[in-house]
Amino acid sequence: MTDLLGKRALVTGGSRGIGAAIALALAKNGADVAISYEASADRALKVVTAIKAMGRSALAVQADAADPEANARLVEDAVAGLGGIDILVNNAGTIRHGNMAEMSLQDVDTILHVNIRGTVLTTRAAIPHLAAGGRIITIGSTRGDRVPFAGVTMYGLSKSAHHSFTRGLARELGPAQVTVNLVQPGPIDTELNLSDAEPADHIRSLVPLGRYGTTEEVAHVVSFLASPASSFVTGSVITVDGGMNA
């Protein structure tokens, strides 16, 4: 498929896991892609190399999602490198585990600064570059809907903020024909959430489909939302969790 041919995408946190799968899927569908990374320069290079092997333009920009200046520079570098932005995928995020009474202020700030402020500031910088047909897609979490166990209260709080952010922006940008949507992955098999780790059997027991999802399954949903086929979809929350939150 080449329904994104000529489009230019920025995927934050695109050097590994779900972000890398999204970047590769968008390129496979025809888009030129810029990715950001915090520390995984070697992995970012592999993603860029794979995208270029598809015949697409690609670049990687080092940026700490918690740094406001880095967020603005990231968008500027992506625009300069690709000649503009048509699709923004807010994928960069972090998690810290711990009960509220025990969590350090540093951990609280890290979650808020990366998951909320980073998403807001990158989006704010990108909006002036998005013309009619533009797309903003944020990667949230099923924890934004439900928090079924202790230790992820702050993470859940940060991901629930994506709901109002998405819906508010859909109202603001609808007249400009820019769509804004939220994708909420559930248990996805990544190196940070391995399907063969200690709690995996319990988590699988909560999923009607009986398995972890793949990063590609999340990327397929993002590719749809980035494509012309989703032109009447905005302000929506799409959950990709095998039915865990049903």
Protein backbone atom coordinates (compact mmCIF):
# COMPACT_ATOMS: atom_id res chain seq x y z
CA MET A 1 0.00 0.00 0.00
CA THR A 2 1.18 3.51 -0.77
CA ASP A 3 -1.77 5.57 0.48
CA LEU A 4 0.63 7.79 2.44
CA LEU A 5 2.88 8.53 -0.53
CA GLY A 6 4.11 12.10 -0.31
CA LYS A 7 3.17 12.45 3.37
CA ARG A 8 5.70 13.35 6.03
CA ALA A 9 5.47 11.91 9.53
CA LEU A 10 7.14 12.60 12.86
CA VAL A 11 7.07 9.73 15.36
CA THR A 12 8.35 10.56 18.82
CA GLY A 13 10.10 7.77 20.68
CA GLY A 14 10.50 5.91 17.40
CA SER A 15 13.73 4.02 17.98
CA ARG A 16 12.25 0.87 19.50
CA GLY A 17 9.11 -1.02 20.46
CA ILE A 18 5.76 0.37 19.40
CA GLY A 19 7.31 3.59 18.10
CA ALA A 20 9.70 1.78 15.76
CA ALA A 21 6.89 -0.43 14.47
CA ILE A 22 4.78 2.66 13.76
CA ALA A 23 7.62 4.43 11.95
CA LEU A 24 8.26 1.38 9.75
CA ALA A 25 4.56 0.87 9.02
CA LEU A 26 4.09 4.50 7.95
CA ALA A 27 7.13 4.25 5.69
CA LYS A 28 5.86 0.99 4.22
CA ASN A 29 2.65 2.83 3.34
CA GLY A 30 4.60 5.54 1.55
CA ALA A 31 5.45 8.21 4.12
CA ASP A 32 8.79 9.86 4.74
CA VAL A 33 9.50 9.61 8.45
CA ALA A 34 11.43 11.44 11.15
CA ILE A 35 11.82 9.80 14.54
CA SER A 36 13.02 11.04 17.89
CA TYR A 37 15.02 9.12 20.44
CA GLU A 38 16.41 9.91 23.86
CA ALA A 39 19.42 7.62 24.21
CA SER A 40 19.15 4.70 21.75
CA ALA A 41 21.16 6.22 18.90
CA ASP A 42 22.14 2.83 17.48
CA ARG A 43 18.55 1.62 17.40
CA ALA A 44 17.39 4.88 15.87
CA LEU A 45 19.97 4.43 13.12
CA LYS A 46 18.64 0.93 12.38
CA VAL A 47 15.10 2.28 11.99
CA VAL A 48 16.29 5.09 9.73
CA THR A 49 18.32 2.65 7.63
CA ALA A 50 15.33 0.33 7.26
CA ILE A 51 13.11 3.21 6.15
CA LYS A 52 15.64 4.42 3.62
CA ALA A 53 15.88 0.88 2.26
CA MET A 54 12.18 1.23 1.36
CA GLY A 55 13.03 4.23 -0.77
CA ARG A 56 11.71 6.78 1.72
CA SER A 57 13.41 9.74 3.33
CA ALA A 58 14.20 9.38 7.02
CA LEU A 59 16.05 11.04 9.84
CA ALA A 60 16.51 10.60 13.59
CA VAL A 61 16.64 13.49 16.06
CA GLN A 62 17.90 13.17 19.62
CA ALA A 63 15.41 14.79 21.97
CA ASP A 64 14.46 14.37 25.62
CA ALA A 65 10.65 14.48 25.75
CA ALA A 66 10.82 16.11 29.19
CA ASP A 67 12.82 19.08 27.84
CA PRO A 68 10.63 21.90 26.42
CA GLU A 69 13.42 23.31 24.26
CA ALA A 70 14.17 19.86 22.85
CA ASN A 71 10.51 19.40 21.87
CA ALA A 72 10.48 22.62 19.87
CA ARG A 73 13.81 21.83 18.24
CA LEU A 74 12.62 18.34 17.36
CA VAL A 75 9.74 19.70 15.31
CA GLU A 76 11.96 22.30 13.64
CA ASP A 77 14.52 19.62 12.68
CA ALA A 78 11.81 17.30 11.35
CA VAL A 79 10.29 20.08 9.25
CA ALA A 80 13.70 21.04 7.90
CA GLY A 81 14.68 17.44 7.16
CA LEU A 82 11.41 16.33 5.54
CA GLY A 83 10.22 19.62 4.10
CA GLY A 84 7.20 19.74 6.40
CA ILE A 85 4.97 17.59 8.62
CA ASP A 86 1.61 16.05 7.75
CA ILE A 87 1.39 13.41 10.50
CA LEU A 88 2.43 13.66 14.15
CA VAL A 89 2.51 10.52 16.26
CA ASN A 90 3.01 11.28 19.96
CA ASN A 91 4.49 7.98 21.09
CA ALA A 92 7.26 8.98 23.52
CA GLY A 93 6.37 8.03 27.07
CA THR A 94 7.66 6.62 30.32
CA ILE A 95 6.44 4.67 33.34
CA ARG A 96 7.48 4.59 36.97
CA HIS A 97 6.02 1.99 39.32
CA GLY A 98 5.25 2.60 42.95
CA ASN A 99 2.51 3.51 45.40
CA MET A 100 1.84 7.22 45.77
CA ALA A 101 3.05 7.50 49.35
CA GLU A 102 6.39 6.00 48.39
CA MET A 103 6.97 7.59 44.99
CA SER A 104 9.69 10.23 44.81
CA LEU A 105 8.99 13.73 43.56
CA GLN A 106 11.48 13.09 40.78
CA ASP A 107 9.48 10.11 39.54
CA VAL A 108 6.24 12.09 39.72
CA ASP A 109 7.79 14.93 37.72
CA THR A 110 9.28 12.56 35.14
CA ILE A 111 5.90 10.99 34.40
CA LEU A 112 4.13 14.34 34.17
CA HIS A 113 6.85 16.01 32.11
CA VAL A 114 7.28 13.21 29.58
CA ASN A 115 3.78 11.81 29.22
CA ILE A 116 1.78 15.02 29.48
CA ARG A 117 3.93 18.11 28.99
CA GLY A 118 6.10 16.49 26.31
CA THR A 119 3.03 15.48 24.30
CA VAL A 120 1.47 18.92 24.69
CA LEU A 121 4.58 20.85 23.71
CA THR A 122 5.45 18.70 20.70
CA THR A 123 1.88 18.98 19.46
CA ARG A 124 1.79 22.73 20.00
CA ALA A 125 4.97 23.13 17.96
CA ALA A 126 3.66 20.91 15.16
CA ILE A 127 0.18 22.43 14.74
CA PRO A 128 1.28 25.45 12.66
CA HIS A 129 2.81 23.05 10.12
CA LEU A 130 -0.28 20.86 9.68
CA ALA A 131 -2.43 21.68 6.66
CA ALA A 132 -5.86 20.28 5.77
CA GLY A 133 -5.68 16.50 5.92
CA GLY A 134 -3.13 16.61 8.74
CA ARG A 135 -3.14 13.99 11.45
CA ILE A 136 -2.30 13.99 15.16
CA ILE A 137 -2.24 10.54 16.76
CA THR A 138 -1.30 10.02 20.39
CA ILE A 139 -0.33 6.65 21.85
CA GLY A 140 -1.92 6.32 25.26
CA SER A 141 -2.61 3.22 27.34
CA THR A 142 -5.54 1.18 28.60
CA ARG A 143 -4.41 2.39 32.01
CA GLY A 144 -5.93 5.71 30.99
CA ASP A 145 -9.33 4.00 31.25
CA ARG A 146 -8.82 1.57 34.10
CA VAL A 147 -6.21 1.00 36.80
CA PRO A 148 -6.74 -2.65 37.77
CA PHE A 149 -3.80 -2.99 40.12
CA ALA A 150 -1.76 -0.87 42.51
CA GLY A 151 1.51 0.84 41.66
CA VAL A 152 0.58 2.62 38.43
CA THR A 153 -1.58 5.46 39.72
CA MET A 154 0.61 8.25 38.34
CA TYR A 155 1.03 6.47 35.03
CA GLY A 156 -2.73 6.04 34.74
CA LEU A 157 -3.26 9.69 35.59
CA SER A 158 -0.87 10.78 32.85
CA LYS A 159 -2.51 8.57 30.23
CA SER A 160 -6.04 9.64 31.17
CA ALA A 161 -4.98 13.22 30.37
CA HIS A 162 -4.66 12.16 26.74
CA HIS A 163 -8.44 11.72 26.54
CA SER A 164 -9.34 15.36 27.16
CA PHE A 165 -6.33 16.54 25.18
CA THR A 166 -7.43 14.52 22.15
CA ARG A 167 -11.07 15.53 22.34
CA GLY A 168 -10.31 19.20 22.92
CA LEU A 169 -7.86 19.34 20.02
CA ALA A 170 -10.34 17.56 17.76
CA ARG A 171 -12.75 20.45 18.41
CA GLU A 172 -10.06 23.07 17.88
CA LEU A 173 -8.56 21.64 14.71
CA GLY A 174 -11.66 20.21 13.06
CA PRO A 175 -12.38 23.44 11.12
CA ALA A 176 -8.87 23.17 9.65
CA GLN A 177 -9.61 19.55 8.58
CA VAL A 178 -6.92 18.17 10.88
CA THR A 179 -7.96 15.03 12.74
CA VAL A 180 -6.87 14.12 16.26
CA ASN A 181 -7.16 10.60 17.68
CA LEU A 182 -5.92 8.47 20.56
CA VAL A 183 -4.74 4.85 20.37
CA GLN A 184 -4.66 2.90 23.64
CA PRO A 185 -2.52 -0.25 23.60
CA GLY A 186 -3.03 -2.90 26.24
CA PRO A 187 -0.55 -5.73 26.88
CA ILE A 188 1.84 -5.52 23.93
CA ASP A 189 4.92 -7.73 23.69
CA THR A 190 7.92 -5.39 23.90
CA GLU A 191 11.23 -5.54 25.74
CA LEU A 192 9.67 -3.46 28.52
CA ASN A 193 6.57 -5.67 28.71
CA LEU A 194 7.72 -9.15 27.78
CA SER A 195 5.09 -11.78 27.09
CA ASP A 196 7.25 -14.36 28.90
CA ALA A 197 7.98 -12.28 32.02
CA GLU A 198 6.82 -13.35 35.48
CA PRO A 199 3.30 -11.75 35.50
CA ALA A 200 2.58 -12.61 31.85
CA ASP A 201 0.40 -15.67 32.52
CA HIS A 202 -1.85 -13.67 34.83
CA ILE A 203 -2.14 -10.84 32.33
CA ARG A 204 -2.98 -13.25 29.52
CA SER A 205 -5.75 -14.68 31.69
CA LEU A 206 -7.38 -11.23 31.67
CA VAL A 207 -7.31 -10.94 27.87
CA PRO A 208 -10.26 -12.55 26.03
CA LEU A 209 -8.02 -13.30 23.04
CA GLY A 210 -5.64 -15.06 25.42
CA ARG A 211 -2.39 -13.50 24.28
CA TYR A 212 -0.24 -10.38 24.18
CA GLY A 213 -0.54 -8.12 21.16
CA THR A 214 2.30 -7.29 18.80
CA THR A 215 3.77 -3.89 18.06
CA GLU A 216 2.70 -4.36 14.43
CA GLU A 217 -0.94 -4.70 15.49
CA VAL A 218 -0.76 -1.27 17.12
CA ALA A 219 1.04 0.12 14.08
CA HIS A 220 -1.73 -1.10 11.74
CA VAL A 221 -4.28 0.97 13.67
CA VAL A 222 -2.04 4.04 13.57
CA SER A 223 -1.52 3.57 9.82
CA PHE A 224 -5.29 3.57 9.33
CA LEU A 225 -5.71 6.76 11.36
CA ALA A 226 -2.90 8.39 9.36
CA SER A 227 -4.48 7.43 6.03
CA PRO A 228 -7.18 9.11 3.92
CA ALA A 229 -9.50 6.23 4.88
CA SER A 230 -9.90 7.76 8.36
CA SER A 231 -10.87 11.24 7.14
CA PHE A 232 -14.15 11.26 9.16
CA VAL A 233 -12.60 9.86 12.35
CA THR A 234 -11.57 12.46 14.91
CA GLY A 235 -11.77 12.84 18.68
CA SER A 236 -11.85 9.05 18.91
CA VAL A 237 -10.23 6.63 21.34
CA ILE A 238 -9.32 3.26 19.83
CA THR A 239 -8.29 0.55 22.27
CA VAL A 240 -5.94 -2.21 21.08
CA ASP A 241 -5.89 -4.67 23.98
CA GLY A 242 -7.41 -7.98 22.88
CA GLY A 243 -10.52 -7.13 24.89
CA MET A 244 -8.76 -6.73 28.25
CA ASN A 245 -10.73 -3.59 29.12
CA ALA A 246 -14.03 -4.83 27.68
